[in-house]
Amino acid sequence: MTIGKDPSKIDAEAPDEQDIATTLGFDERVQDDLTDGDTEDSTTEIPSREQMWCVLQKQAKTIEQLESRLEDVEQEQSRGQRNRQEIASRMNELDEKVDEVTETADEAKEIAKSATSTAEQAKSIAETGETAFDREDAEALPGGVEPSSSPLDFFANCRQHNVKQRFVDEQNKQNTWRAIAVAKRWEEFATKRTDGSGVFFTRDDLREGLTAILGKRPHAQTLKRVWNSLKEIGSTDVELKRRRVGPKQDPKELLTMDIETAEGLLETRYHHLDLLEEGTVSGGITPVVTNNTAAEV
C-alpha cells in the first residue's frame, strides 16, 4: 500500500515558470526581461565591412580637421607671442627715449643756469673789475686745511649729503653728482695700474659703477654725459688717455688719476667746514682755490 502521491506525478503536475508568471499577472515581455537574455532574439547584428569602412573614413576626416585646427591654434599662439615681444621691445624703446628727452631737458636747464651764472659774474666783473679768484684766499682756510686741486677733489671732500642736495635738488645736475659718486668709489670700480702709481676708468668701469649707483644699467646717453662730467669736473686731476689693449684692437679711452689724487678724494677734509651750507657759496664758485683757478662748476 502506497501512502501519498507518486513523486513522478508530483513533478509532472508542478507548474512551470510560464504558469507562475501568468498566475502572478506578468506578461511574456516582462518575464523575458527578468531572464538572462540568452535567447536567440537578444543577439546583436554585426555591421558590414562597408559600414565599418564608412565609420573609419568619418573618424579619419574628423582627426584631420582636429589636427588642422590644432595647427591654426599653435600659429595663433606663436603670432601672439611675437606680438607681445614686439610690444615689450617698443615699450623699452619708448622708455629709453623718454629718459633721453628728460636728460636732454635737464641738460638744457643746466646750460641755461650756467649761462645765467656766467652773465651775472661778467656783470660783476664789469662793474667792479674784480674776479671771483681775486676775492678768494686759500690762506683763509682754517686749521691749515689744504685747498682742493680740482672741483672733483673739492666736492668729494665735502659732506656728500650737501653735495647731492646742491647738484640734484637745487641745480638739477644729476650727471655731475653721479660722476662724483663714481669717482669716490674708485676702489670698487676703477682699474688699478700694476705698478700702483694710479687708477683709471674705462667706459666699462664707469658703466659698472653707474649700475651700482642707479640700481639699473645706465642708458648710453647717461654713460656719455657722466663720462664728460667726470672729465670736466676732474680738471687737471683727471686726464684723458688712449691705450691699445691688443695689436688688433682699437685704442680705448681712459680717464686716469694718479694714486695721490685718488686717495685724496677720500680724505673728508672739508666735512667740518660746512662749505656748502646755504649762504656760503655764491654764483657757483666754491670758496676753495684750485691751482690758481676757482672751482667753478
Protein backbone atom coordinates (compact mmCIF):
# COMPACT_ATOMS: atom_id res chain seq x y z
CA MET A 1 0.00 0.00 0.00
CA THR A 2 1.38 3.34 -1.06
CA ILE A 3 0.82 6.44 1.04
CA GLY A 4 0.52 9.80 -0.84
CA LYS A 5 1.16 10.60 -4.48
CA ASP A 6 3.83 9.15 -6.57
CA PRO A 7 6.84 11.59 -6.76
CA SER A 8 6.85 11.40 -10.52
CA LYS A 9 3.24 12.55 -10.62
CA ILE A 10 4.01 15.43 -8.29
CA ASP A 11 6.80 16.65 -10.63
CA ALA A 12 4.56 16.33 -13.65
CA GLU A 13 1.78 18.30 -12.01
CA ALA A 14 4.16 21.07 -10.76
CA PRO A 15 3.53 24.48 -12.52
CA ASP A 16 6.24 25.75 -14.82
CA GLU A 17 7.62 29.29 -14.97
CA GLN A 18 5.11 30.41 -17.57
CA ASP A 19 2.24 29.20 -15.40
CA ILE A 20 3.64 31.10 -12.44
CA ALA A 21 4.07 34.28 -14.50
CA THR A 22 0.52 34.00 -15.84
CA THR A 23 -0.87 33.39 -12.40
CA LEU A 24 1.01 36.40 -10.98
CA GLY A 25 -0.06 38.66 -13.85
CA PHE A 26 3.31 39.04 -15.68
CA ASP A 27 3.25 39.01 -19.46
CA GLU A 28 5.90 37.38 -21.60
CA ARG A 29 7.85 40.59 -22.28
CA VAL A 30 8.38 41.30 -18.58
CA GLN A 31 9.33 37.71 -18.00
CA ASP A 32 11.89 37.88 -20.85
CA ASP A 33 13.46 40.95 -19.23
CA LEU A 34 13.90 39.03 -15.99
CA THR A 35 15.77 36.25 -17.76
CA ASP A 36 19.44 36.26 -18.68
CA GLY A 37 18.80 37.38 -22.25
CA ASP A 38 20.43 34.29 -23.71
CA THR A 39 17.70 33.73 -26.28
CA GLU A 40 18.31 34.00 -29.98
CA ASP A 41 16.19 37.22 -30.18
CA SER A 42 18.69 39.11 -27.97
CA THR A 43 21.69 38.74 -30.30
CA THR A 44 23.19 41.95 -31.88
CA GLU A 45 23.65 42.24 -35.61
CA ILE A 46 27.35 42.65 -36.67
CA PRO A 47 27.93 45.68 -39.00
CA SER A 48 29.08 45.01 -42.52
CA ARG A 49 32.53 45.88 -43.89
CA GLU A 50 31.03 48.76 -45.88
CA GLN A 51 29.54 50.24 -42.73
CA MET A 52 32.80 49.88 -40.82
CA TRP A 53 34.76 51.49 -43.68
CA CYS A 54 32.34 54.44 -43.70
CA VAL A 55 32.79 54.92 -39.94
CA LEU A 56 36.60 54.78 -40.27
CA GLN A 57 36.52 57.37 -43.06
CA LYS A 58 34.43 59.72 -40.93
CA GLN A 59 36.81 59.29 -37.99
CA ALA A 60 39.84 59.93 -40.20
CA LYS A 61 38.23 63.12 -41.55
CA THR A 62 37.43 64.27 -38.01
CA ILE A 63 41.02 63.65 -36.91
CA GLU A 64 42.33 65.58 -39.93
CA GLN A 65 40.07 68.53 -39.07
CA LEU A 66 41.22 68.48 -35.44
CA GLU A 67 44.89 68.40 -36.48
CA SER A 68 44.33 71.33 -38.84
CA ARG A 69 42.61 73.31 -36.07
CA LEU A 70 45.41 72.49 -33.65
CA GLU A 71 47.95 73.78 -36.17
CA ASP A 72 45.95 77.01 -36.56
CA VAL A 73 45.82 77.48 -32.78
CA GLU A 74 49.58 76.95 -32.47
CA GLN A 75 50.21 79.51 -35.23
CA GLU A 76 47.91 82.00 -33.47
CA GLN A 77 49.79 81.46 -30.21
CA SER A 78 53.11 81.97 -31.98
CA ARG A 79 51.88 85.22 -33.56
CA GLY A 80 50.58 86.36 -30.20
CA GLN A 81 53.97 85.67 -28.58
CA ARG A 82 55.77 87.63 -31.30
CA ASN A 83 53.33 90.50 -30.91
CA ARG A 84 53.86 90.58 -27.14
CA GLN A 85 57.64 90.59 -27.62
CA GLU A 86 57.40 93.38 -30.18
CA ILE A 87 55.19 95.44 -27.86
CA ALA A 88 57.63 94.93 -24.97
CA SER A 89 60.54 95.96 -27.20
CA ARG A 90 58.72 99.09 -28.32
CA MET A 91 57.87 99.97 -24.72
CA ASN A 92 61.54 99.66 -23.77
CA GLU A 93 62.48 101.90 -26.70
CA LEU A 94 59.88 104.45 -25.61
CA ASP A 95 61.21 104.34 -22.03
CA GLU A 96 64.72 105.00 -23.32
CA LYS A 97 63.51 107.87 -25.48
CA VAL A 98 61.61 109.38 -22.54
CA ASP A 99 64.71 109.13 -20.36
CA GLU A 100 66.83 110.63 -23.14
CA VAL A 101 64.40 113.52 -23.63
CA THR A 102 64.28 114.09 -19.87
CA GLU A 103 68.06 114.14 -19.62
CA THR A 104 68.28 116.45 -22.62
CA ALA A 105 65.81 118.81 -20.96
CA ASP A 106 67.80 118.63 -17.71
CA GLU A 107 70.98 119.34 -19.62
CA ALA A 108 69.33 122.36 -21.28
CA LYS A 109 68.34 123.65 -17.85
CA GLU A 110 71.91 123.20 -16.62
CA ILE A 111 73.24 125.13 -19.61
CA ALA A 112 70.71 127.90 -19.01
CA LYS A 113 71.66 128.14 -15.34
CA SER A 114 75.34 128.14 -16.21
CA ALA A 115 74.78 130.87 -18.77
CA THR A 116 72.85 132.93 -16.22
CA SER A 117 75.63 132.48 -13.65
CA THR A 118 78.27 133.40 -16.21
CA ALA A 119 76.32 136.51 -17.19
CA GLU A 120 76.00 137.59 -13.56
CA GLN A 121 79.72 137.08 -12.97
CA ALA A 122 80.58 139.01 -16.13
CA LYS A 123 78.34 141.84 -14.99
CA SER A 124 80.01 141.87 -11.56
CA ILE A 125 83.50 141.92 -13.11
CA ALA A 126 82.46 144.71 -15.46
CA GLU A 127 81.14 146.77 -12.56
CA THR A 128 83.94 146.18 -10.03
CA GLY A 129 86.87 144.95 -12.10
CA GLU A 130 87.35 142.19 -9.51
CA THR A 131 87.24 138.49 -10.41
CA ALA A 132 85.99 135.68 -8.20
CA PHE A 133 89.55 134.43 -7.83
CA ASP A 134 90.62 137.85 -6.55
CA ARG A 135 88.05 137.55 -3.77
CA GLU A 136 89.08 134.07 -2.69
CA ASP A 137 92.05 133.43 -0.45
CA ALA A 138 93.40 129.92 0.02
CA GLU A 139 95.21 131.01 3.17
CA ALA A 140 91.83 131.82 4.74
CA LEU A 141 91.02 128.15 5.23
CA PRO A 142 91.05 127.41 8.97
CA GLY A 143 93.26 124.88 10.66
CA GLY A 144 95.78 124.65 7.82
CA VAL A 145 93.37 122.68 5.62
CA GLU A 146 94.83 122.16 2.18
CA PRO A 147 92.99 123.69 -0.76
CA SER A 148 91.49 121.34 -3.30
CA SER A 149 93.30 120.51 -6.51
CA SER A 150 90.15 120.38 -8.67
CA PRO A 151 86.37 120.76 -8.36
CA LEU A 152 86.19 116.97 -8.12
CA ASP A 153 88.65 116.99 -5.22
CA PHE A 154 86.69 119.75 -3.50
CA PHE A 155 83.21 118.22 -3.77
CA ALA A 156 84.47 114.72 -2.97
CA ASN A 157 85.78 116.04 0.35
CA CYS A 158 82.60 117.85 1.35
CA ARG A 159 79.68 116.18 3.05
CA GLN A 160 78.06 114.09 0.34
CA HIS A 161 74.55 114.84 1.58
CA ASN A 162 75.17 118.53 0.94
CA VAL A 163 76.84 117.83 -2.40
CA LYS A 164 73.88 115.75 -3.58
CA GLN A 165 71.43 118.37 -2.37
CA ARG A 166 73.29 121.07 -4.29
CA PHE A 167 73.64 119.22 -7.60
CA VAL A 168 70.47 117.12 -7.65
CA ASP A 169 67.89 119.09 -5.68
CA GLU A 170 69.00 122.67 -6.29
CA GLN A 171 70.81 122.69 -9.64
CA ASN A 172 69.32 119.61 -11.36
CA LYS A 173 72.80 118.35 -12.33
CA GLN A 174 72.33 114.64 -11.75
CA ASN A 175 75.16 113.61 -14.04
CA THR A 176 77.69 115.77 -12.16
CA TRP A 177 76.59 114.18 -8.91
CA ARG A 178 76.87 110.71 -10.47
CA ALA A 179 80.39 111.47 -11.70
CA ILE A 180 81.47 112.49 -8.19
CA ALA A 181 79.82 109.44 -6.63
CA VAL A 182 81.52 107.01 -9.02
CA ALA A 183 84.92 108.70 -8.68
CA LYS A 184 84.77 108.37 -4.88
CA ARG A 185 84.20 104.62 -5.29
CA TRP A 186 87.31 104.12 -7.42
CA GLU A 187 88.50 101.34 -5.11
CA GLU A 188 85.46 99.28 -6.21
CA PHE A 189 85.13 100.12 -9.88
CA ALA A 190 88.32 101.69 -11.28
CA THR A 191 91.15 99.63 -12.74
CA LYS A 192 94.40 99.92 -10.79
CA ARG A 193 97.73 100.20 -12.54
CA THR A 194 100.01 97.24 -11.94
CA ASP A 195 102.79 99.47 -10.55
CA GLY A 196 100.36 101.13 -8.09
CA SER A 197 101.02 104.61 -9.48
CA GLY A 198 97.40 105.38 -10.33
CA VAL A 199 93.97 104.25 -11.34
CA PHE A 200 91.83 104.70 -14.42
CA PHE A 201 88.22 104.32 -15.53
CA THR A 202 87.27 102.71 -18.81
CA ARG A 203 83.74 103.17 -20.07
CA ASP A 204 83.01 99.62 -18.89
CA ASP A 205 84.28 100.53 -15.41
CA LEU A 206 82.10 103.64 -15.36
CA ARG A 207 79.08 101.66 -16.55
CA GLU A 208 79.58 99.16 -13.73
CA GLY A 209 79.77 101.95 -11.17
CA LEU A 210 76.65 103.67 -12.51
CA THR A 211 74.77 100.38 -12.45
CA ALA A 212 75.56 100.06 -8.73
CA ILE A 213 74.51 103.66 -8.04
CA LEU A 214 71.37 103.75 -10.19
CA GLY A 215 70.25 100.20 -9.47
CA LYS A 216 69.96 99.50 -13.20
CA ARG A 217 72.12 99.53 -16.31
CA PRO A 218 72.56 103.15 -17.48
CA HIS A 219 71.48 104.27 -20.93
CA ALA A 220 74.16 105.08 -23.46
CA GLN A 221 73.44 108.83 -23.24
CA THR A 222 73.69 108.75 -19.44
CA LEU A 223 77.05 106.97 -19.65
CA LYS A 224 78.32 109.52 -22.17
CA ARG A 225 77.22 112.52 -20.08
CA VAL A 226 78.65 111.16 -16.83
CA TRP A 227 81.93 110.41 -18.65
CA ASN A 228 82.11 114.02 -19.89
CA SER A 229 81.11 115.37 -16.47
CA LEU A 230 83.87 113.40 -14.75
CA LYS A 231 86.42 114.64 -17.27
CA GLU A 232 85.22 118.25 -16.85
CA ILE A 233 84.90 118.34 -13.07
CA GLY A 234 88.20 116.49 -12.67
CA SER A 235 90.04 119.37 -14.37
CA THR A 236 93.79 118.67 -14.29
CA ASP A 237 93.33 115.83 -11.78
CA VAL A 238 91.64 113.64 -14.41
CA GLU A 239 93.45 113.08 -17.68
CA LEU A 240 92.00 111.56 -20.83
CA LYS A 241 94.35 108.99 -22.38
CA ARG A 242 94.13 106.30 -25.04
CA ARG A 243 95.58 102.85 -24.64
CA ARG A 244 95.73 99.95 -27.08
CA VAL A 245 94.88 96.74 -25.29
CA GLY A 246 95.86 94.43 -28.15
CA PRO A 247 97.63 94.81 -31.51
CA LYS A 248 94.39 94.24 -33.43
CA GLN A 249 92.12 96.30 -31.18
CA ASP A 250 91.32 99.99 -31.41
CA PRO A 251 92.72 102.20 -28.63
CA LYS A 252 90.46 102.55 -25.59
CA GLU A 253 89.79 105.88 -23.92
CA LEU A 254 90.72 106.07 -20.24
CA LEU A 255 90.10 108.68 -17.56
CA THR A 256 93.20 108.44 -15.36
CA MET A 257 94.14 109.74 -11.90
CA ASP A 258 97.40 109.34 -10.05
CA ILE A 259 97.15 107.46 -6.78
CA GLU A 260 97.64 110.58 -4.60
CA THR A 261 94.69 112.29 -6.28
CA ALA A 262 92.51 109.20 -5.96
CA GLU A 263 93.32 108.75 -2.27
CA GLY A 264 92.75 112.47 -1.71
CA LEU A 265 89.10 112.05 -2.74
CA LEU A 266 88.51 110.04 0.43
CA GLU A 267 90.09 112.39 3.00
CA THR A 268 86.82 114.17 4.02
CA ARG A 269 88.94 117.20 4.87
CA TYR A 270 86.11 119.74 4.38
CA HIS A 271 83.41 117.92 6.37
CA HIS A 272 83.83 120.13 9.44
CA LEU A 273 83.82 123.39 7.46
CA ASP A 274 80.28 123.12 6.02
CA LEU A 275 81.40 124.99 2.92
CA LEU A 276 78.25 124.04 1.02
CA GLU A 277 75.80 125.25 3.63
CA GLU A 278 73.24 127.76 2.40
CA GLY A 279 74.78 131.18 2.00
CA THR A 280 78.42 130.03 1.93
CA VAL A 281 78.68 129.66 -1.84
CA SER A 282 77.85 132.42 -4.28
CA GLY A 283 77.49 132.38 -8.04
CA GLY A 284 78.54 128.73 -8.42
CA ILE A 285 82.12 129.46 -7.18
CA THR A 286 83.42 127.31 -4.34
CA PRO A 287 85.34 129.09 -1.56
CA VAL A 288 88.39 126.92 -2.20
CA VAL A 289 91.11 127.90 -4.69
CA THR A 290 92.22 125.12 -7.02
CA ASN A 291 95.62 125.60 -8.67
CA ASN A 292 95.15 129.30 -9.35
CA THR A 293 91.65 128.62 -10.63
CA ALA A 294 88.42 128.92 -8.69
CA ALA A 295 86.48 125.68 -8.53
CA GLU A 296 83.70 126.74 -10.83
CA VAL A 297 81.05 124.10 -11.51
